[in-house]
Protein backbone atom coordinates (compact mmCIF):
# COMPACT_ATOMS: atom_id res chain seq x y z
CA LEU A 1 0.00 0.00 0.00
CA GLN A 2 3.00 2.31 0.40
CA ALA A 3 3.36 2.57 -3.37
CA ALA A 4 -0.25 3.74 -3.72
CA GLU A 5 0.41 6.79 -1.51
CA PRO A 6 0.27 9.78 -3.93
CA ASP A 7 3.73 11.21 -3.12
CA ALA A 8 5.36 7.78 -3.26
CA ALA A 9 3.62 6.90 -6.52
CA LEU A 10 4.77 10.19 -8.08
CA ALA A 11 8.36 9.58 -6.95
CA LEU A 12 8.29 6.06 -8.40
CA ARG A 13 6.88 7.28 -11.73
CA ARG A 14 9.59 9.96 -11.91
CA LEU A 15 12.32 7.44 -11.13
CA ALA A 16 11.07 5.01 -13.77
CA ALA A 17 10.87 7.83 -16.33
CA ALA A 18 14.38 9.04 -15.52
CA TRP A 19 15.80 5.52 -15.76
CA ARG A 20 13.60 4.65 -18.77
CA CYS A 21 12.92 1.23 -17.30
CA PRO A 22 9.94 -1.10 -17.58
CA VAL A 23 7.59 -1.18 -14.62
CA LEU A 24 5.62 -4.10 -13.24
CA THR A 25 3.22 -3.44 -10.39
CA THR A 26 1.80 -5.82 -7.85
CA TYR A 27 -1.93 -6.11 -7.34
CA MET A 28 -1.68 -4.02 -4.17
CA ALA A 29 0.30 -1.28 -5.98
CA LYS A 30 -2.09 -1.12 -8.93
CA GLY A 31 -2.50 2.54 -9.83
CA ALA A 32 0.95 3.58 -8.63
CA ALA A 33 2.15 3.47 -12.24
CA ASP A 34 0.16 4.91 -15.13
CA ASP A 35 -1.30 2.01 -17.13
CA ALA A 36 -1.24 4.22 -20.26
CA ASP A 37 2.55 4.68 -19.98
CA PRO A 38 4.30 2.43 -22.52
CA MET A 39 6.89 1.51 -19.88
CA THR A 40 4.19 0.05 -17.62
CA VAL A 41 4.23 -3.52 -18.84
CA GLY A 42 1.75 -5.20 -16.54
CA CYS A 43 1.18 -6.73 -13.16
CA PHE A 44 3.71 -8.95 -11.42
CA VAL A 45 2.04 -12.28 -10.73
CA GLY A 46 5.09 -14.44 -10.01
CA GLY A 47 4.53 -16.57 -13.07
CA PRO A 48 6.09 -17.28 -16.45
CA ALA A 49 4.56 -14.17 -18.09
CA GLU A 50 7.19 -11.85 -16.64
CA ASP A 51 10.04 -14.36 -16.51
CA ALA A 52 11.90 -13.13 -19.63
CA LEU A 53 11.74 -9.51 -18.47
CA LEU A 54 13.06 -10.34 -15.01
CA ARG A 55 15.87 -12.54 -16.36
CA ALA A 56 16.99 -9.74 -18.69
CA ALA A 57 17.05 -7.14 -15.90
CA ASP A 58 20.33 -5.70 -14.68
CA ALA A 59 18.61 -4.77 -11.43
CA ILE A 60 15.19 -5.23 -9.88
CA MET A 61 13.84 -2.69 -7.41
CA LEU A 62 10.93 -3.52 -5.16
CA PHE A 63 9.14 -0.73 -3.36
CA GLY A 64 6.58 -1.53 -0.71
CA ALA A 65 6.40 -5.15 -1.84
CA ASP A 66 4.56 -7.39 0.57
CA PRO A 67 5.95 -10.95 0.64
CA VAL A 68 2.42 -12.30 0.91
CA GLU A 69 1.83 -11.15 -2.69
CA PHE A 70 4.46 -13.56 -3.97
């Protein structure tokens, strides 16, 4: 829920834009990233759909991730 806080969501969107990196949200953080932004690539579900993206990543940043979501 921390990522859904307006100031935190804005900071995360600015960081992703500055780094020009793809963004996956969790179900609880839905809305923290703009779904219309081409860098918002979907929702992290812990399945094979996001596997190629995660394996290609140089770094993965989690913000406000709740282990229960995984």
